[in-house]
Protein backbone atom coordinates (compact mmCIF):
# COMPACT_ATOMS: atom_id res chain seq x y z
CA MET A 1 0.08 -0.36 -0.06
CA ARG A 2 1.11 3.08 -1.01
CA ARG A 3 1.64 6.11 1.78
CA SER A 4 -0.71 9.88 -0.12
CA PRO A 5 1.79 12.25 -0.23
CA ALA A 6 0.22 14.18 2.83
CA GLY A 7 1.56 11.41 4.73
CA ALA A 8 5.20 11.44 3.38
CA GLN A 9 4.90 14.98 4.46
CA LYS A 10 3.54 14.48 7.90
CA ARG A 11 6.52 11.87 8.68
CA TRP A 12 9.80 14.63 7.87
CA LEU A 13 7.34 17.78 9.16
CA TRP A 14 7.41 16.16 12.84
CA PRO A 15 11.31 15.78 13.01
CA LEU A 16 11.71 19.62 11.90
CA LEU A 17 9.95 20.71 14.12
CA LEU A 18 11.29 19.87 17.20
CA PHE A 19 14.35 20.81 15.55
CA LEU A 20 13.05 24.13 15.59
CA LEU A 21 11.95 23.44 18.83
CA ALA A 22 15.45 22.69 19.80
CA PHE A 23 17.36 25.00 17.83
CA VAL A 24 15.58 28.17 18.05
CA PRO A 25 15.78 28.79 21.88
CA ALA A 26 19.56 27.58 21.97
CA LEU A 27 20.20 30.27 19.19
CA TRP A 28 18.31 32.90 21.12
CA LEU A 29 20.64 31.41 24.30
CA TYR A 30 23.58 31.82 22.56
CA HIS A 31 22.64 34.86 21.37
CA GLY A 32 21.55 36.09 24.90
CA LEU A 33 24.87 34.85 26.67
CA TYR A 34 28.03 33.85 24.29
CA SER A 35 27.85 36.39 21.05
CA ARG A 36 30.30 39.28 21.17
CA LEU A 37 29.04 42.12 22.50
CA PRO A 38 29.17 45.29 20.75
CA LEU A 39 31.23 47.76 22.66
CA PRO A 40 33.71 50.41 21.36
CA ASP A 41 36.64 49.95 20.41
CA ALA A 42 37.58 52.78 23.04
CA GLY A 43 35.90 50.22 26.07
CA TYR A 44 31.98 50.77 27.93
CA ARG A 45 33.02 51.60 31.06
CA LEU A 46 30.70 50.07 33.62
CA GLU A 47 30.25 51.77 37.24
CA VAL A 48 28.93 49.67 39.92
CA THR A 49 27.87 52.44 43.06
CA ARG A 50 28.44 50.84 46.47
CA GLY A 51 24.88 49.18 47.06
CA SER A 52 23.35 48.31 43.31
CA ASN A 53 22.60 44.83 42.80
CA PHE A 54 22.61 42.83 39.32
CA THR A 55 18.91 44.04 38.96
CA GLN A 56 20.22 47.33 38.27
CA MET A 57 23.22 46.43 37.06
CA THR A 58 22.23 44.33 34.09
CA GLU A 59 19.15 46.32 32.91
CA GLN A 60 21.95 49.41 32.63
CA LEU A 61 23.91 46.91 30.28
CA ALA A 62 21.09 46.53 28.64
CA ARG A 63 19.37 49.91 28.13
CA ASP A 64 23.09 51.38 26.67
CA GLY A 65 23.12 48.79 24.30
CA ILE A 66 25.64 46.56 25.46
CA ILE A 67 24.43 43.30 26.54
CA PRO A 68 20.92 41.47 24.28
CA ASN A 69 18.72 40.26 27.08
CA ALA A 70 19.22 41.35 30.74
CA PHE A 71 16.76 38.64 31.41
CA LEU A 72 19.04 35.96 29.87
CA ALA A 73 21.80 37.34 32.09
CA ARG A 74 20.53 37.21 35.49
CA ALA A 75 19.34 33.64 34.81
CA TRP A 76 22.52 32.83 34.31
CA LEU A 77 24.01 34.44 37.59
CA ARG A 78 21.33 32.22 39.72
CA LEU A 79 22.14 29.07 37.99
CA GLN A 80 25.98 29.60 39.58
CA ALA A 81 27.18 28.35 42.60
CA THR A 82 29.64 31.29 43.01
CA ASP A 83 29.72 33.92 45.00
CA LYS A 84 28.21 36.33 43.18
CA ARG A 85 27.98 39.33 45.60
CA LEU A 86 28.07 43.06 43.39
CA TYR A 87 31.67 44.44 44.62
CA PRO A 88 31.17 48.45 44.15
CA GLY A 89 34.19 49.72 41.38
CA VAL A 90 34.49 50.62 37.59
CA TRP A 91 35.26 48.26 35.08
CA LEU A 92 37.01 48.76 31.09
CA LEU A 93 35.21 46.82 29.17
CA ARG A 94 37.16 46.25 25.96
CA PRO A 95 36.56 44.01 23.01
CA PRO A 96 36.30 41.62 22.82
CA HIS A 97 33.82 40.45 25.24
CA THR A 98 30.42 38.18 26.44
CA THR A 99 27.25 38.54 28.26
CA VAL A 100 28.49 35.69 30.08
CA SER A 101 32.28 37.12 30.25
CA VAL A 102 31.35 40.64 32.00
CA LEU A 103 29.35 38.80 34.55
CA ARG A 104 32.38 35.92 35.29
CA LEU A 105 34.48 39.99 35.14
CA VAL A 106 31.80 41.54 38.12
CA VAL A 107 31.69 38.39 39.89
CA ALA A 108 34.91 38.38 40.30
CA GLY A 109 35.68 41.70 42.30
CA SER A 110 39.37 41.53 41.99
CA ALA A 111 38.90 42.13 37.75
CA ARG A 112 38.41 45.60 38.27
CA GLU A 113 40.51 47.48 35.41
CA ALA A 114 39.82 51.38 35.53
CA SER A 115 38.67 54.47 38.01
CA ARG A 116 37.34 57.36 36.58
CA LEU A 117 37.67 60.83 38.21
CA THR A 118 36.95 64.32 37.19
CA VAL A 119 36.99 66.94 39.59
CA VAL A 120 36.08 70.07 38.34
CA GLU A 121 37.54 73.60 38.54
CA GLY A 122 36.85 76.16 40.86
CA ILE A 123 36.84 73.49 44.19
CA SER A 124 38.39 73.58 46.69
CA TYR A 125 40.63 71.00 48.43
CA ARG A 126 37.68 70.35 51.23
CA ASN A 127 35.49 69.85 48.10
CA LEU A 128 38.32 67.38 46.58
CA ARG A 129 38.96 65.22 50.11
CA ASP A 130 35.01 65.45 50.71
CA LEU A 131 34.21 63.56 46.96
CA LEU A 132 37.66 61.42 48.10
CA ALA A 133 36.32 60.15 50.56
CA ASN A 134 32.69 59.65 48.90
CA ARG A 135 34.59 56.72 46.43
CA SER A 136 33.74 53.39 46.87
CA ASP A 137 36.42 52.66 44.72
CA ILE A 138 39.15 54.34 45.96
CA ARG A 139 41.25 53.19 48.98
CA ALA A 140 40.96 55.68 52.44
CA SER A 141 44.49 56.07 53.33
CA GLY A 142 43.56 57.30 56.87
CA ILE A 143 46.21 59.92 56.44
CA VAL A 144 44.38 62.99 56.93
CA ASP A 145 46.42 66.13 58.76
CA ASP A 146 47.65 68.35 55.66
CA ALA A 147 51.09 68.24 56.89
CA ALA A 148 51.31 65.29 56.61
CA VAL A 149 49.34 64.53 53.27
CA LEU A 150 51.79 67.23 51.89
CA ALA A 151 54.91 64.66 53.88
CA ALA A 152 53.54 61.99 52.10
CA LEU A 153 53.23 63.53 48.52
CA GLY A 154 56.33 65.11 48.92
CA ALA A 155 54.89 68.17 48.50
CA SER A 156 57.10 71.41 49.73
CA GLU A 157 54.07 73.35 49.83
CA SER A 158 53.13 74.10 53.01
CA HIS A 159 49.25 74.15 52.30
CA PRO A 160 47.37 72.35 50.51
CA GLU A 161 44.67 74.47 48.52
CA GLY A 162 45.32 75.24 44.54
CA LEU A 163 48.05 72.18 44.12
CA PHE A 164 46.00 69.84 42.97
CA ALA A 165 44.64 69.80 39.12
CA PRO A 166 41.46 69.66 38.03
CA ASP A 167 40.18 67.11 35.22
CA THR A 168 38.88 63.97 34.28
CA TYR A 169 41.53 60.91 35.37
CA ASP A 170 41.79 56.91 35.46
CA PHE A 171 42.53 55.27 38.28
CA GLY A 172 43.55 51.63 38.75
CA SER A 173 41.67 49.22 40.82
CA ASN A 174 42.80 49.75 43.96
CA ALA A 175 44.01 52.93 44.23
CA SER A 176 44.53 55.14 47.81
CA ASP A 177 43.35 58.73 48.47
CA ILE A 178 46.61 59.93 47.82
CA ASP A 179 47.64 57.95 44.70
CA VAL A 180 44.88 60.20 43.64
CA LEU A 181 45.98 63.36 45.48
CA ARG A 182 49.77 62.30 44.06
CA LYS A 183 48.99 61.84 40.23
CA LEU A 184 46.53 65.25 40.64
CA TYR A 185 49.45 66.92 42.70
CA GLN A 186 52.02 65.96 40.32
CA ARG A 187 50.44 66.72 37.00
CA GLN A 188 49.73 70.83 38.24
CA GLN A 189 53.29 70.86 39.37
CA ARG A 190 54.14 69.84 35.53
CA ILE A 191 51.07 72.88 34.37
CA LEU A 192 52.72 75.31 36.64
CA ALA A 193 56.17 74.60 35.58
CA GLU A 194 55.05 74.50 31.27
CA GLU A 195 52.90 77.47 31.27
CA TRP A 196 55.31 79.76 34.10
CA ALA A 197 58.31 79.16 31.47
CA GLN A 198 55.84 80.85 28.80
CA ARG A 199 54.73 83.51 31.24
CA ALA A 200 54.61 87.12 29.31
CA PRO A 201 56.76 89.24 30.73
CA GLY A 202 56.37 92.10 33.44
CA LEU A 203 54.00 90.14 35.74
CA PRO A 204 53.35 91.48 39.26
CA TYR A 205 54.14 87.32 40.66
CA ALA A 206 57.40 87.04 42.59
CA SER A 207 57.31 83.05 42.22
CA PRO A 208 55.27 80.18 39.99
CA TYR A 209 53.30 80.10 43.54
CA GLU A 210 51.94 84.01 43.68
CA ALA A 211 51.09 82.88 39.30
CA LEU A 212 48.97 79.49 40.95
CA VAL A 213 47.19 82.06 43.64
CA MET A 214 46.33 84.40 41.13
CA ALA A 215 44.62 81.43 38.75
CA SER A 216 43.18 80.10 41.81
CA ILE A 217 40.99 83.57 42.40
CA VAL A 218 40.39 83.89 38.38
CA GLU A 219 39.02 80.52 38.62
CA LYS A 220 36.39 82.31 41.02
CA GLU A 221 35.77 85.07 39.60
CA THR A 222 34.16 84.34 36.43
CA GLY A 223 33.44 80.71 34.66
CA GLN A 224 33.49 82.26 30.89
CA ALA A 225 36.91 81.66 29.35
CA ASP A 226 36.01 84.29 27.37
CA GLU A 227 36.41 86.47 29.91
CA ARG A 228 39.58 85.69 32.28
CA ALA A 229 42.71 86.86 30.69
CA ARG A 230 40.57 90.23 31.11
CA ILE A 231 39.60 89.43 34.87
CA ALA A 232 43.86 88.42 34.93
CA GLY A 233 44.43 92.39 33.78
CA VAL A 234 42.57 93.92 36.00
CA PHE A 235 43.96 92.41 38.84
CA VAL A 236 47.83 92.42 37.84
CA ARG A 237 46.78 95.90 37.04
CA ARG A 238 46.07 97.04 40.40
CA LEU A 239 48.66 94.51 41.89
CA GLN A 240 51.28 97.18 39.85
CA LYS A 241 49.89 100.12 40.61
CA GLY A 242 49.84 99.17 44.04
CA MET A 243 45.41 98.86 44.88
CA ARG A 244 44.10 96.59 46.86
CA LEU A 245 42.73 93.67 45.21
CA GLN A 246 39.64 93.16 46.74
CA THR A 247 37.06 90.19 45.35
CA ASP A 248 34.78 89.22 47.16
CA PRO A 249 36.13 84.80 47.20
CA THR A 250 39.12 85.54 48.44
CA VAL A 251 37.45 87.35 51.82
CA ILE A 252 34.53 84.13 51.15
CA TYR A 253 37.51 81.66 51.54
CA GLY A 254 39.06 83.10 54.53
CA ILE A 255 35.65 82.71 56.85
CA GLY A 256 35.43 79.43 55.88
CA PRO A 257 32.89 76.95 56.54
CA ARG A 258 30.78 79.29 58.47
CA PHE A 259 29.86 81.33 54.93
CA ASP A 260 26.01 81.63 54.86
CA GLY A 261 25.98 82.83 50.90
CA ASN A 262 25.41 86.21 52.31
CA LEU A 263 28.78 88.32 52.29
CA ARG A 264 27.89 91.02 54.60
CA ARG A 265 29.15 94.78 54.67
CA ALA A 266 31.41 93.80 57.94
CA ASP A 267 32.86 90.63 56.36
CA LEU A 268 34.54 93.37 53.99
CA LEU A 269 35.33 95.05 57.01
CA ARG A 270 37.00 92.60 58.73
CA ALA A 271 41.11 91.95 58.80
CA THR A 272 41.97 88.78 57.76
CA PRO A 273 44.64 87.24 55.66
CA TYR A 274 42.53 86.11 52.44
CA ASN A 275 40.85 89.66 53.00
CA THR A 276 41.19 91.52 50.33
CA TYR A 277 39.66 94.42 50.76
CA ARG A 278 41.91 94.84 53.72
CA MET A 279 45.15 93.50 53.13
CA ALA A 280 47.53 94.84 50.65
CA GLY A 281 48.97 92.34 47.59
CA LEU A 282 47.69 88.47 47.38
CA PRO A 283 46.70 86.14 50.03
CA PRO A 284 48.69 84.14 51.79
CA THR A 285 47.39 80.61 49.68
CA PRO A 286 45.37 79.75 46.27
CA ILE A 287 41.40 80.02 47.48
CA ALA A 288 40.48 77.45 45.48
CA LEU A 289 41.56 74.35 42.76
CA PRO A 290 42.45 76.27 39.59
CA GLY A 291 42.59 74.69 35.42
CA ARG A 292 45.52 75.02 33.39
CA ALA A 293 42.80 77.82 31.58
CA ALA A 294 42.57 79.80 34.64
CA ILE A 295 46.86 79.53 35.04
CA HIS A 296 47.48 80.77 31.63
CA ALA A 297 45.19 83.27 32.00
CA ALA A 298 47.17 84.37 35.23
CA LEU A 299 50.38 84.50 32.79
CA HIS A 300 49.13 86.39 30.36
CA PRO A 301 46.55 88.92 31.48
CA ASP A 302 44.67 90.87 28.67
CA SER A 303 46.90 94.47 28.02
CA GLY A 304 44.49 97.62 28.64
CA ASP A 305 42.84 99.86 31.00
CA ALA A 306 40.30 98.29 32.64
CA ILE A 307 41.00 98.22 36.92
CA PHE A 308 37.44 97.33 37.77
CA PHE A 309 34.37 94.92 36.94
CA VAL A 310 31.03 94.40 38.35
CA ALA A 311 28.54 91.09 37.28
CA ARG A 312 26.12 92.06 34.81
CA GLY A 313 23.56 89.59 36.50
CA ASP A 314 23.99 86.92 33.42
CA GLY A 315 27.71 85.34 34.34
CA SER A 316 29.70 87.97 32.54
CA HIS A 317 30.98 90.90 34.25
CA GLU A 318 31.37 94.59 32.62
CA PHE A 319 34.77 96.22 32.83
CA THR A 320 36.15 99.89 33.17
CA ALA A 321 39.02 102.21 34.14
CA THR A 322 37.81 104.54 36.09
CA LEU A 323 35.65 104.76 39.64
CA PRO A 324 33.05 106.78 37.45
CA GLU A 325 32.45 104.30 34.93
CA HIS A 326 32.39 101.61 37.90
CA ASN A 327 30.34 103.35 39.86
CA ARG A 328 27.05 103.75 36.99
CA ALA A 329 28.06 100.39 36.40
CA VAL A 330 27.11 98.97 39.68
CA ALA A 331 24.26 101.31 39.19
CA ARG A 332 23.55 99.67 36.57
CA TYR A 333 23.60 96.14 36.76
CA GLN A 334 23.81 95.99 41.21
CA LYS A 335 21.37 98.00 41.99
CA ARG A 336 20.03 96.57 44.94
CA ARG A 337 23.35 95.78 46.26
CA GLN A 338 25.85 97.88 48.06
CA ALA A 339 29.06 99.19 45.77
CA THR A 340 31.23 96.77 47.65
CA TYR A 341 30.10 94.09 45.13
CA ARG A 342 32.17 92.40 43.06
CA SER A 343 35.50 94.76 42.80
CA ALA A 344 34.49 97.82 43.77
CA PRO A 345 35.98 100.00 46.32
CA VAL A 346 35.75 99.87 49.58
CA ALA A 347 36.50 103.68 50.32
CA GLU A 348 38.88 103.09 53.77
CA ALA A 349 40.31 100.25 51.95
CA SER A 350 40.65 102.03 48.76
CA LYS A 351 43.83 103.59 47.70
């Protein structure tokens, strides 16, 4: 008896279906766990903060298009007999990698490759120490005292403010806060030496350190790149003319943690080492961490005749060469503020 064509089709259709039922899930599993991940050549930075869990990590990887399936990644983890704690840190993932190899790397913990730290221009040394203390991927050395820190760095300076270069840095695993500070310190020393060697002539600085002090004031006075050299020019001309700098950020730095955001006239009249309304010349130390652009501006000040400036209220400043012009600018832009605001002269402190 001959089989019908329909019977013959059924005979090979069922094995095909069984093959597909086995092959498609296997292909899905392979793609989700063992296919090569689309990592950029420069690498992908996977940052795991303290308290994060694997669900958060895998969902982030999936959202960023790094792994194809967060559910499969978590399922693979659940099937592993190893310790599945999630260690805080930063991994620099460079190709080639699969989902499984990434998960093994993170579970191992010790294979952390890089920590990235961004230090913003204009923050203080105290802000920097707080930033390092709050990083779970940077080990605390236990060295807290300023003098001990400087000694550990081999620094000749007696005060840490301004000595650390703002920038974005990468660190290897197990880096301590002193390791980080050393890298920032060495970079700032390099920048200062390079800029000092190319400085403009006739500047009123006795040393690179004094230029660093000026750069920190410039950094705090403006965040606009095109104003840094103009601000530096104002302060350089004041020094050259024997005028006091009369700049608010130095006064605020001298007040310290007690500053409540409101600079009062009494603060401008109180004698402190950092009150440039009362003392002549530069303050004794920097007042912030200046970036390279501010250091360059301090050593290449803009030429001109302006010796005053006042904030316009939009982040920029009005520069003037005479006191009457300055007073008119204050009246125009700072009607509700005293004339002591933003580098305006105080009568008893002026020369």
